[in-house]
Amino acid sequence: MIIAQVTGSVVSTRKMESLVGNKFMVVEPLTGMRNGGEKIVAVDNIGAGVGEYVLVTTGSSARVGSQGPDSPVDAAIVGIIDDVGKLK
């Protein structure tokens, strides 16, 4: 998992059937996290908002909370962070 900040949202009116009903957010991993600094699109099934810090899972783990193992999802927001101890 990585810690990222939500920086925006993506609107897609046409998408694969397995993705219908999903919300997509643009997230930017914190420096030092995997792919630090590169923005990615993540499926959001928990209702994160722009500016919030979130936990993001990538790869095959991201499909677990989506529409199934065949869903084309590479990243998913799995938690909204309330508080973080000191990050190095």
Protein backbone atom coordinates (compact mmCIF):
# COMPACT_ATOMS: atom_id res chain seq x y z
CA MET A 1 0.00 0.00 0.00
CA ILE A 2 1.01 3.56 -0.55
CA ILE A 3 -0.04 6.89 0.94
CA ALA A 4 -1.26 9.42 -1.60
CA GLN A 5 -3.16 12.68 -1.79
CA VAL A 6 -6.26 12.98 -3.94
CA THR A 7 -5.67 15.78 -6.45
CA GLY A 8 -8.68 15.48 -8.73
CA SER A 9 -11.37 13.33 -10.25
CA VAL A 10 -11.95 11.70 -13.62
CA VAL A 11 -15.32 11.56 -15.37
CA SER A 12 -15.83 8.73 -17.86
CA THR A 13 -19.30 8.29 -19.29
CA ARG A 14 -18.27 5.37 -21.50
CA LYS A 15 -16.39 2.50 -19.91
CA MET A 16 -16.33 -1.27 -19.60
CA GLU A 17 -19.46 -2.72 -18.03
CA SER A 18 -17.50 -3.98 -15.02
CA LEU A 19 -16.49 -0.38 -14.22
CA VAL A 20 -19.97 1.18 -14.40
CA GLY A 21 -20.89 2.79 -11.07
CA ASN A 22 -17.28 3.28 -9.98
CA LYS A 23 -15.80 6.68 -9.14
CA PHE A 24 -12.29 7.48 -10.37
CA MET A 25 -9.87 9.82 -8.59
CA VAL A 26 -6.44 11.18 -9.51
CA VAL A 27 -3.98 10.52 -6.69
CA GLU A 28 -0.38 11.60 -6.19
CA PRO A 29 1.76 9.29 -4.03
CA LEU A 30 3.83 11.02 -1.36
CA THR A 31 7.55 11.35 -1.97
CA GLY A 32 9.30 8.15 -0.96
CA MET A 33 6.27 5.97 -1.66
CA ARG A 34 6.18 3.64 -4.63
CA ASN A 35 6.02 5.69 -7.87
CA GLY A 36 6.46 8.77 -5.69
CA GLY A 37 5.44 11.91 -7.51
CA GLU A 38 3.72 10.21 -10.44
CA LYS A 39 -0.02 10.79 -10.53
CA ILE A 40 -2.22 7.76 -11.11
CA VAL A 41 -5.94 7.09 -11.47
CA ALA A 42 -7.48 4.95 -8.73
CA VAL A 43 -10.96 3.49 -8.33
CA ASP A 44 -12.66 4.97 -5.26
CA ASN A 45 -15.42 2.94 -3.65
CA ILE A 46 -15.16 4.64 -0.23
CA GLY A 47 -15.92 8.27 -1.06
CA ALA A 48 -12.59 10.10 -0.79
CA GLY A 49 -12.51 13.78 -1.66
CA VAL A 50 -10.01 16.10 -3.29
CA GLY A 51 -7.28 17.10 -0.85
CA GLU A 52 -7.64 14.05 1.40
CA TYR A 53 -4.81 11.66 2.13
CA VAL A 54 -5.67 8.06 1.30
CA LEU A 55 -4.32 4.52 1.34
CA VAL A 56 -3.98 3.10 -2.15
CA THR A 57 -3.38 -0.50 -3.12
CA THR A 58 -2.04 -1.41 -6.55
CA GLY A 59 -1.76 -4.45 -8.75
CA SER A 60 -3.89 -7.55 -8.30
CA SER A 61 -4.85 -6.45 -4.77
CA ALA A 62 -6.68 -3.46 -6.25
CA ARG A 63 -9.18 -5.76 -7.97
CA VAL A 64 -10.34 -7.33 -4.69
CA GLY A 65 -12.58 -4.38 -3.79
CA SER A 66 -13.66 -3.79 -7.37
CA GLN A 67 -16.08 -5.69 -9.53
CA GLY A 68 -14.13 -8.95 -9.57
CA PRO A 69 -10.82 -10.51 -10.61
CA ASP A 70 -11.36 -9.76 -14.31
CA SER A 71 -11.97 -6.05 -13.76
CA PRO A 72 -9.26 -3.88 -15.41
CA VAL A 73 -8.24 -2.04 -12.24
CA ASP A 74 -4.59 -1.29 -11.35
CA ALA A 75 -5.11 0.98 -8.33
CA ALA A 76 -7.85 1.35 -5.72
CA ILE A 77 -8.40 3.68 -2.77
CA VAL A 78 -8.94 1.44 0.25
CA GLY A 79 -8.90 3.93 3.12
CA ILE A 80 -9.06 7.59 4.06
CA ILE A 81 -6.30 8.63 6.47
CA ASP A 82 -7.39 10.46 9.62
CA ASP A 83 -3.95 10.85 11.20
CA VAL A 84 -0.37 9.89 10.37
CA GLY A 85 2.58 9.73 12.71
CA LYS A 86 5.81 11.39 11.67
CA LEU A 87 6.79 10.39 8.13
CA LYS A 88 10.47 10.25 7.25
